[in-house]
Amino acid sequence: GPYTDALRKLGDEKAEDAVAGASGTHVVLPGYYCPRDQGLLDYNTSDGRFLFFLPWLGHTLVGTTDAPSAAETRPTAPEDEVQWLL
């Protein structure tokens, strides 16, 4: 998980980092944005990231991942990321 390296360093201060942190922004939209039995992937976005649309509990989960990030206890979605997804 995101705190792996911090925990490892409790036992060995010289332990090298083993995990690269990343975060993603996700929004939930009405289900009609995605087929109920099929996800969609757009790998040709304006900034080079993947964009996915997945059916989820009758809704559509839209998101992207792989923005480098440190571990956070209570992360929030940056507004510019939400607007890009929308």
PDB file of N, CA and C in Angstrom:
ATOM      1  N   GLY A   1       0.806  -1.180   0.000  1.00  0.00           N
ATOM      2  CA  GLY A   1       0.000   0.000   0.000  1.00  0.00           C
ATOM      3  C   GLY A   1       0.859   1.257   0.000  1.00  0.00           C
ATOM      4  N   PRO A   2       0.241   2.400   0.090  1.00  0.00           N
ATOM      5  CA  PRO A   2       0.950   3.669  -0.031  1.00  0.00           C
ATOM      6  C   PRO A   2       1.920   3.960   1.112  1.00  0.00           C
ATOM      7  N   TYR A   3       1.763   3.284   2.243  1.00  0.00           N
ATOM      8  CA  TYR A   3       2.645   3.544   3.381  1.00  0.00           C
ATOM      9  C   TYR A   3       3.701   2.466   3.561  1.00  0.00           C
ATOM     10  N   THR A   4       3.880   1.619   2.574  1.00  0.00           N
ATOM     11  CA  THR A   4       4.834   0.519   2.653  1.00  0.00           C
ATOM     12  C   THR A   4       6.236   1.005   2.995  1.00  0.00           C
ATOM     13  N   ASP A   5       6.718   2.003   2.261  1.00  0.00           N
ATOM     14  CA  ASP A   5       8.089   2.466   2.484  1.00  0.00           C
ATOM     15  C   ASP A   5       8.267   3.062   3.871  1.00  0.00           C
ATOM     16  N   ALA A   6       7.295   3.809   4.362  1.00  0.00           N
ATOM     17  CA  ALA A   6       7.389   4.393   5.702  1.00  0.00           C
ATOM     18  C   ALA A   6       7.449   3.291   6.759  1.00  0.00           C
ATOM     19  N   LEU A   7       6.658   2.250   6.601  1.00  0.00           N
ATOM     20  CA  LEU A   7       6.685   1.139   7.543  1.00  0.00           C
ATOM     21  C   LEU A   7       8.004   0.378   7.484  1.00  0.00           C
ATOM     22  N   ARG A   8       8.515   0.162   6.284  1.00  0.00           N
ATOM     23  CA  ARG A   8       9.795  -0.541   6.139  1.00  0.00           C
ATOM     24  C   ARG A   8      10.921   0.230   6.808  1.00  0.00           C
ATOM     25  N   LYS A   9      10.863   1.555   6.740  1.00  0.00           N
ATOM     26  CA  LYS A   9      11.927   2.379   7.321  1.00  0.00           C
ATOM     27  C   LYS A   9      11.857   2.432   8.849  1.00  0.00           C
ATOM     28  N   LEU A  10      10.737   2.032   9.428  1.00  0.00           N
ATOM     29  CA  LEU A  10      10.671   1.916  10.879  1.00  0.00           C
ATOM     30  C   LEU A  10      11.612   0.821  11.367  1.00  0.00           C
ATOM     31  N   GLY A  11      11.760  -0.226  10.572  1.00  0.00           N
ATOM     32  CA  GLY A  11      12.648  -1.335  10.919  1.00  0.00           C
ATOM     33  C   GLY A  11      14.064  -1.155  10.407  1.00  0.00           C
ATOM     34  N   ASP A  12      14.224  -0.396   9.341  1.00  0.00           N
ATOM     35  CA  ASP A  12      15.540  -0.190   8.736  1.00  0.00           C
ATOM     36  C   ASP A  12      15.561   1.196   8.090  1.00  0.00           C
ATOM     37  N   GLU A  13      16.157   2.152   8.759  1.00  0.00           N
ATOM     38  CA  GLU A  13      16.173   3.534   8.266  1.00  0.00           C
ATOM     39  C   GLU A  13      16.835   3.670   6.893  1.00  0.00           C
ATOM     40  N   LYS A  14      17.671   2.704   6.532  1.00  0.00           N
ATOM     41  CA  LYS A  14      18.381   2.770   5.255  1.00  0.00           C
ATOM     42  C   LYS A  14      17.674   2.005   4.140  1.00  0.00           C
ATOM     43  N   ALA A  15      16.511   1.467   4.434  1.00  0.00           N
ATOM     44  CA  ALA A  15      15.773   0.707   3.419  1.00  0.00           C
ATOM     45  C   ALA A  15      15.449   1.610   2.232  1.00  0.00           C
ATOM     46  N   GLU A  16      15.680   1.103   1.030  1.00  0.00           N
ATOM     47  CA  GLU A  16      15.374   1.865  -0.175  1.00  0.00           C
ATOM     48  C   GLU A  16      13.872   1.810  -0.453  1.00  0.00           C
ATOM     49  N   ASP A  17      13.364   2.870  -1.050  1.00  0.00           N
ATOM     50  CA  ASP A  17      11.945   2.894  -1.405  1.00  0.00           C
ATOM     51  C   ASP A  17      11.635   1.764  -2.381  1.00  0.00           C
ATOM     52  N   ALA A  18      10.489   1.116  -2.159  1.00  0.00           N
ATOM     53  CA  ALA A  18      10.067   0.007  -3.010  1.00  0.00           C
ATOM     54  C   ALA A  18       8.765   0.317  -3.748  1.00  0.00           C
ATOM     55  N   VAL A  19       8.092   1.387  -3.358  1.00  0.00           N
ATOM     56  CA  VAL A  19       6.785   1.706  -3.919  1.00  0.00           C
ATOM     57  C   VAL A  19       6.812   3.124  -4.488  1.00  0.00           C
ATOM     58  N   ALA A  20       6.302   3.276  -5.686  1.00  0.00           N
ATOM     59  CA  ALA A  20       6.149   4.604  -6.289  1.00  0.00           C
ATOM     60  C   ALA A  20       4.687   5.000  -6.155  1.00  0.00           C
ATOM     61  N   GLY A  21       4.431   6.065  -5.448  1.00  0.00           N
ATOM     62  CA  GLY A  21       3.060   6.499  -5.210  1.00  0.00           C
ATOM     63  C   GLY A  21       2.422   7.089  -6.458  1.00  0.00           C
ATOM     64  N   ALA A  22       1.134   6.861  -6.594  1.00  0.00           N
ATOM     65  CA  ALA A  22       0.367   7.427  -7.698  1.00  0.00           C
ATOM     66  C   ALA A  22      -1.044   7.687  -7.208  1.00  0.00           C
ATOM     67  N   SER A  23      -1.692   8.623  -7.842  1.00  0.00           N
ATOM     68  CA  SER A  23      -3.078   8.899  -7.488  1.00  0.00           C
ATOM     69  C   SER A  23      -3.914   8.972  -8.748  1.00  0.00           C
ATOM     70  N   GLY A  24      -5.193   8.935  -8.564  1.00  0.00           N
ATOM     71  CA  GLY A  24      -6.100   9.050  -9.694  1.00  0.00           C
ATOM     72  C   GLY A  24      -7.329   9.836  -9.294  1.00  0.00           C
ATOM     73  N   THR A  25      -7.952  10.447 -10.264  1.00  0.00           N
ATOM     74  CA  THR A  25      -9.187  11.178 -10.023  1.00  0.00           C
ATOM     75  C   THR A  25     -10.314  10.425 -10.709  1.00  0.00           C
ATOM     76  N   HIS A  26     -11.421  10.290  -9.997  1.00  0.00           N
ATOM     77  CA  HIS A  26     -12.559   9.538 -10.513  1.00  0.00           C
ATOM     78  C   HIS A  26     -13.845  10.293 -10.206  1.00  0.00           C
ATOM     79  N   VAL A  27     -14.785  10.247 -11.122  1.00  0.00           N
ATOM     80  CA  VAL A  27     -16.110  10.812 -10.893  1.00  0.00           C
ATOM     81  C   VAL A  27     -17.154   9.766 -11.260  1.00  0.00           C
ATOM     82  N   VAL A  28     -18.318   9.866 -10.643  1.00  0.00           N
ATOM     83  CA  VAL A  28     -19.420   8.949 -10.928  1.00  0.00           C
ATOM     84  C   VAL A  28     -20.499   9.718 -11.687  1.00  0.00           C
ATOM     85  N   LEU A  29     -20.866   9.194 -12.845  1.00  0.00           N
ATOM     86  CA  LEU A  29     -21.868   9.805 -13.710  1.00  0.00           C
ATOM     87  C   LEU A  29     -23.062   8.869 -13.861  1.00  0.00           C
ATOM     88  N   PRO A  30     -24.160   9.354 -14.426  1.00  0.00           N
ATOM     89  CA  PRO A  30     -25.309   8.470 -14.673  1.00  0.00           C
ATOM     90  C   PRO A  30     -24.919   7.274 -15.547  1.00  0.00           C
ATOM     91  N   GLY A  31     -25.606   6.176 -15.367  1.00  0.00           N
ATOM     92  CA  GLY A  31     -25.287   4.940 -16.054  1.00  0.00           C
ATOM     93  C   GLY A  31     -25.368   4.990 -17.561  1.00  0.00           C
ATOM     94  N   TYR A  32     -26.109   5.928 -18.139  1.00  0.00           N
ATOM     95  CA  TYR A  32     -26.263   5.957 -19.596  1.00  0.00           C
ATOM     96  C   TYR A  32     -25.000   6.406 -20.329  1.00  0.00           C
ATOM     97  N   TYR A  33     -23.961   6.783 -19.627  1.00  0.00           N
ATOM     98  CA  TYR A  33     -22.703   7.154 -20.282  1.00  0.00           C
ATOM     99  C   TYR A  33     -21.849   5.942 -20.652  1.00  0.00           C
ATOM    100  N   CYS A  34     -22.258   4.760 -20.230  1.00  0.00           N
ATOM    101  CA  CYS A  34     -21.467   3.549 -20.504  1.00  0.00           C
ATOM    102  C   CYS A  34     -22.409   2.355 -20.604  1.00  0.00           C
ATOM    103  N   PRO A  35     -22.164   1.436 -21.552  1.00  0.00           N
ATOM    104  CA  PRO A  35     -22.983   0.226 -21.608  1.00  0.00           C
ATOM    105  C   PRO A  35     -22.907  -0.546 -20.287  1.00  0.00           C
ATOM    106  N   ARG A  36     -23.989  -1.204 -19.898  1.00  0.00           N
ATOM    107  CA  ARG A  36     -24.029  -1.915 -18.612  1.00  0.00           C
ATOM    108  C   ARG A  36     -23.052  -3.067 -18.524  1.00  0.00           C
ATOM    109  N   ASP A  37     -22.680  -3.650 -19.653  1.00  0.00           N
ATOM    110  CA  ASP A  37     -21.836  -4.845 -19.628  1.00  0.00           C
ATOM    111  C   ASP A  37     -20.485  -4.645 -20.313  1.00  0.00           C
ATOM    112  N   GLN A  38     -20.072  -3.403 -20.468  1.00  0.00           N
ATOM    113  CA  GLN A  38     -18.839  -3.155 -21.207  1.00  0.00           C
ATOM    114  C   GLN A  38     -18.196  -1.849 -20.745  1.00  0.00           C
ATOM    115  N   GLY A  39     -16.883  -1.891 -20.506  1.00  0.00           N
ATOM    116  CA  GLY A  39     -16.145  -0.686 -20.187  1.00  0.00           C
ATOM    117  C   GLY A  39     -15.531  -0.097 -21.450  1.00  0.00           C
ATOM    118  N   LEU A  40     -15.161   1.147 -21.359  1.00  0.00           N
ATOM    119  CA  LEU A  40     -14.552   1.843 -22.487  1.00  0.00           C
ATOM    120  C   LEU A  40     -13.210   2.437 -22.042  1.00  0.00           C
ATOM    121  N   LEU A  41     -12.256   2.477 -22.964  1.00  0.00           N
ATOM    122  CA  LEU A  41     -10.940   3.023 -22.670  1.00  0.00           C
ATOM    123  C   LEU A  41     -10.536   3.958 -23.794  1.00  0.00           C
ATOM    124  N   ASP A  42     -10.139   5.162 -23.436  1.00  0.00           N
ATOM    125  CA  ASP A  42      -9.633   6.133 -24.406  1.00  0.00           C
ATOM    126  C   ASP A  42      -8.162   6.347 -24.090  1.00  0.00           C
ATOM    127  N   TYR A  43      -7.302   5.912 -24.964  1.00  0.00           N
ATOM    128  CA  TYR A  43      -5.863   6.067 -24.733  1.00  0.00           C
ATOM    129  C   TYR A  43      -5.267   7.165 -25.599  1.00  0.00           C
ATOM    130  N   ASN A  44      -6.119   7.946 -26.235  1.00  0.00           N
ATOM    131  CA  ASN A  44      -5.651   9.036 -27.085  1.00  0.00           C
ATOM    132  C   ASN A  44      -6.225  10.359 -26.568  1.00  0.00           C
ATOM    133  N   THR A  45      -5.882  10.703 -25.329  1.00  0.00           N
ATOM    134  CA  THR A  45      -6.412  11.912 -24.703  1.00  0.00           C
ATOM    135  C   THR A  45      -5.505  13.108 -24.962  1.00  0.00           C
ATOM    136  N   SER A  46      -5.984  14.279 -24.608  1.00  0.00           N
ATOM    137  CA  SER A  46      -5.242  15.514 -24.871  1.00  0.00           C
ATOM    138  C   SER A  46      -3.926  15.601 -24.114  1.00  0.00           C
ATOM    139  N   ASP A  47      -3.812  14.895 -22.989  1.00  0.00           N
ATOM    140  CA  ASP A  47      -2.558  14.972 -22.229  1.00  0.00           C
ATOM    141  C   ASP A  47      -1.820  13.634 -22.131  1.00  0.00           C
ATOM    142  N   GLY A  48      -2.269  12.636 -22.888  1.00  0.00           N
ATOM    143  CA  GLY A  48      -1.545  11.367 -22.959  1.00  0.00           C
ATOM    144  C   GLY A  48      -1.909  10.338 -21.911  1.00  0.00           C
ATOM    145  N   ARG A  49      -2.791  10.672 -20.977  1.00  0.00           N
ATOM    146  CA  ARG A  49      -3.199   9.684 -19.977  1.00  0.00           C
ATOM    147  C   ARG A  49      -4.333   8.820 -20.513  1.00  0.00           C
ATOM    148  N   PHE A  50      -4.536   7.682 -19.873  1.00  0.00           N
ATOM    149  CA  PHE A  50      -5.684   6.839 -20.179  1.00  0.00           C
ATOM    150  C   PHE A  50      -6.917   7.414 -19.513  1.00  0.00           C
ATOM    151  N   LEU A  51      -8.053   7.276 -20.168  1.00  0.00           N
ATOM    152  CA  LEU A  51      -9.337   7.677 -19.613  1.00  0.00           C
ATOM    153  C   LEU A  51     -10.255   6.469 -19.722  1.00  0.00           C
ATOM    154  N   PHE A  52     -10.860   6.085 -18.612  1.00  0.00           N
ATOM    155  CA  PHE A  52     -11.729   4.912 -18.648  1.00  0.00           C
ATOM    156  C   PHE A  52     -13.150   5.248 -18.216  1.00  0.00           C
ATOM    157  N   PHE A  53     -14.088   4.499 -18.767  1.00  0.00           N
ATOM    158  CA  PHE A  53     -15.500   4.552 -18.410  1.00  0.00           C
ATOM    159  C   PHE A  53     -15.893   3.129 -18.050  1.00  0.00           C
ATOM    160  N   LEU A  54     -16.327   2.911 -16.812  1.00  0.00           N
ATOM    161  CA  LEU A  54     -16.669   1.569 -16.362  1.00  0.00           C
ATOM    162  C   LEU A  54     -18.067   1.548 -15.755  1.00  0.00           C
ATOM    163  N   PRO A  55     -18.876   0.526 -16.089  1.00  0.00           N
ATOM    164  CA  PRO A  55     -20.165   0.402 -15.419  1.00  0.00           C
ATOM    165  C   PRO A  55     -19.931   0.069 -13.947  1.00  0.00           C
ATOM    166  N   TRP A  56     -20.667   0.746 -13.063  1.00  0.00           N
ATOM    167  CA  TRP A  56     -20.465   0.544 -11.629  1.00  0.00           C
ATOM    168  C   TRP A  56     -21.759   0.805 -10.880  1.00  0.00           C
ATOM    169  N   LEU A  57     -22.353  -0.250 -10.365  1.00  0.00           N
ATOM    170  CA  LEU A  57     -23.564  -0.157  -9.545  1.00  0.00           C
ATOM    171  C   LEU A  57     -24.662   0.678 -10.198  1.00  0.00           C
ATOM    172  N   GLY A  58     -24.853   0.483 -11.495  1.00  0.00           N
ATOM    173  CA  GLY A  58     -25.878   1.211 -12.223  1.00  0.00           C
ATOM    174  C   GLY A  58     -25.466   2.605 -12.663  1.00  0.00           C
ATOM    175  N   HIS A  59     -24.244   2.976 -12.393  1.00  0.00           N
ATOM    176  CA  HIS A  59     -23.709   4.277 -12.772  1.00  0.00           C
ATOM    177  C   HIS A  59     -22.502   4.072 -13.679  1.00  0.00           C
ATOM    178  N   THR A  60     -21.839   5.144 -14.039  1.00  0.00           N
ATOM    179  CA  THR A  60     -20.614   5.069 -14.829  1.00  0.00           C
ATOM    180  C   THR A  60     -19.487   5.701 -14.039  1.00  0.00           C
ATOM    181  N   LEU A  61     -18.443   4.940 -13.801  1.00  0.00           N
ATOM    182  CA  LEU A  61     -17.245   5.437 -13.134  1.00  0.00           C
ATOM    183  C   LEU A  61     -16.284   5.910 -14.211  1.00  0.00           C
ATOM    184  N   VAL A  62     -15.894   7.173 -14.146  1.00  0.00           N
ATOM    185  CA  VAL A  62     -14.990   7.766 -15.127  1.00  0.00           C
ATOM    186  C   VAL A  62     -13.733   8.179 -14.393  1.00  0.00           C
ATOM    187  N   GLY A  63     -12.600   7.850 -14.970  1.00  0.00           N
ATOM    188  CA  GLY A  63     -11.386   8.243 -14.274  1.00  0.00           C
ATOM    189  C   GLY A  63     -10.137   8.109 -15.089  1.00  0.00           C
ATOM    190  N   THR A  64      -9.086   8.487 -14.401  1.00  0.00           N
ATOM    191  CA  THR A  64      -7.739   8.374 -14.915  1.00  0.00           C
ATOM    192  C   THR A  64      -6.838   8.087 -13.730  1.00  0.00           C
ATOM    193  N   THR A  65      -5.685   7.565 -13.999  1.00  0.00           N
ATOM    194  CA  THR A  65      -4.752   7.219 -12.929  1.00  0.00           C
ATOM    195  C   THR A  65      -3.343   7.616 -13.320  1.00  0.00           C
ATOM    196  N   ASP A  66      -2.434   7.276 -12.461  1.00  0.00           N
ATOM    197  CA  ASP A  66      -0.999   7.408 -12.709  1.00  0.00           C
ATOM    198  C   ASP A  66      -0.436   8.818 -12.676  1.00  0.00           C
ATOM    199  N   ALA A  67      -1.016   9.681 -11.873  1.00  0.00           N
ATOM    200  CA  ALA A  67      -0.359  10.952 -11.599  1.00  0.00           C
ATOM    201  C   ALA A  67       0.549  10.704 -10.391  1.00  0.00           C
ATOM    202  N   PRO A  68       1.841  10.924 -10.509  1.00  0.00           N
ATOM    203  CA  PRO A  68       2.726  10.695  -9.356  1.00  0.00           C
ATOM    204  C   PRO A  68       2.241  11.478  -8.140  1.00  0.00           C
ATOM    205  N   SER A  69       2.272  10.825  -6.978  1.00  0.00           N
ATOM    206  CA  SER A  69       1.747  11.452  -5.775  1.00  0.00           C
ATOM    207  C   SER A  69       2.302  10.771  -4.538  1.00  0.00           C
ATOM    208  N   ALA A  70       2.490  11.554  -3.499  1.00  0.00           N
ATOM    209  CA  ALA A  70       2.849  10.983  -2.198  1.00  0.00           C
ATOM    210  C   ALA A  70       1.574  10.460  -1.535  1.00  0.00           C
ATOM    211  N   ALA A  71       1.731   9.561  -0.575  1.00  0.00           N
ATOM    212  CA  ALA A  71       0.583   9.006   0.140  1.00  0.00           C
ATOM    213  C   ALA A  71      -0.092  10.103   0.960  1.00  0.00           C
ATOM    214  N   GLU A  72      -1.415  10.103   0.931  1.00  0.00           N
ATOM    215  CA  GLU A  72      -2.213  11.063   1.697  1.00  0.00           C
ATOM    216  C   GLU A  72      -3.278  10.318   2.478  1.00  0.00           C
ATOM    217  N   THR A  73      -3.571  10.787   3.666  1.00  0.00           N
ATOM    218  CA  THR A  73      -4.595  10.156   4.484  1.00  0.00           C
ATOM    219  C   THR A  73      -5.994  10.483   3.975  1.00  0.00           C
ATOM    220  N   ARG A  74      -6.197  11.729   3.553  1.00  0.00           N
ATOM    221  CA  ARG A  74      -7.509  12.158   3.062  1.00  0.00           C
ATOM    222  C   ARG A  74      -7.343  12.913   1.749  1.00  0.00           C
ATOM    223  N   PRO A  75      -7.094  12.199   0.674  1.00  0.00           N
ATOM    224  CA  PRO A  75      -6.904  12.885  -0.611  1.00  0.00           C
ATOM    225  C   PRO A  75      -8.198  13.501  -1.122  1.00  0.00           C
ATOM    226  N   THR A  76      -8.059  14.546  -1.883  1.00  0.00           N
ATOM    227  CA  THR A  76      -9.207  15.169  -2.535  1.00  0.00           C
ATOM    228  C   THR A  76      -8.890  15.310  -4.017  1.00  0.00           C
ATOM    229  N   ALA A  77      -9.923  15.341  -4.813  1.00  0.00           N
ATOM    230  CA  ALA A  77      -9.743  15.470  -6.260  1.00  0.00           C
ATOM    231  C   ALA A  77      -9.518  16.936  -6.613  1.00  0.00           C
ATOM    232  N   PRO A  78      -8.428  17.253  -7.287  1.00  0.00           N
ATOM    233  CA  PRO A  78      -8.224  18.639  -7.722  1.00  0.00           C
ATOM    234  C   PRO A  78      -9.302  19.055  -8.721  1.00  0.00           C
ATOM    235  N   GLU A  79      -9.813  20.256  -8.584  1.00  0.00           N
ATOM    236  CA  GLU A  79     -10.907  20.722  -9.431  1.00  0.00           C
ATOM    237  C   GLU A  79     -10.543  20.689 -10.910  1.00  0.00           C
ATOM    238  N   ASP A  80      -9.291  21.010 -11.262  1.00  0.00           N
ATOM    239  CA  ASP A  80      -8.909  20.976 -12.677  1.00  0.00           C
ATOM    240  C   ASP A  80      -8.965  19.554 -13.233  1.00  0.00           C
ATOM    241  N   GLU A  81      -8.673  18.561 -12.397  1.00  0.00           N
ATOM    242  CA  GLU A  81      -8.782  17.162 -12.824  1.00  0.00           C
ATOM    243  C   GLU A  81     -10.244  16.787 -13.059  1.00  0.00           C
ATOM    244  N   VAL A  82     -11.115  17.188 -12.143  1.00  0.00           N
ATOM    245  CA  VAL A  82     -12.541  16.888 -12.292  1.00  0.00           C
ATOM    246  C   VAL A  82     -13.070  17.529 -13.571  1.00  0.00           C
ATOM    247  N   GLN A  83     -12.716  18.775 -13.821  1.00  0.00           N
ATOM    248  CA  GLN A  83     -13.176  19.463 -15.027  1.00  0.00           C
ATOM    249  C   GLN A  83     -12.646  18.785 -16.282  1.00  0.00           C
ATOM    250  N   TRP A  84     -11.409  18.308 -16.256  1.00  0.00           N
ATOM    251  CA  TRP A  84     -10.844  17.603 -17.415  1.00  0.00           C
ATOM    252  C   TRP A  84     -11.634  16.331 -17.691  1.00  0.00           C
ATOM    253  N   LEU A  85     -12.003  15.607 -16.650  1.00  0.00           N
ATOM    254  CA  LEU A  85     -12.782  14.383 -16.832  1.00  0.00           C
ATOM    255  C   LEU A  85     -14.159  14.674 -17.403  1.00  0.00           C
ATOM    256  N   LEU A  86     -14.766  15.745 -16.935  1.00  0.00           N
ATOM    257  CA  LEU A  86     -16.102  16.084 -17.413  1.00  0.00           C
ATOM    258  C   LEU A  86     -16.067  16.621 -18.826  1.00  0.00           C
TER     259      LEU A  86
END
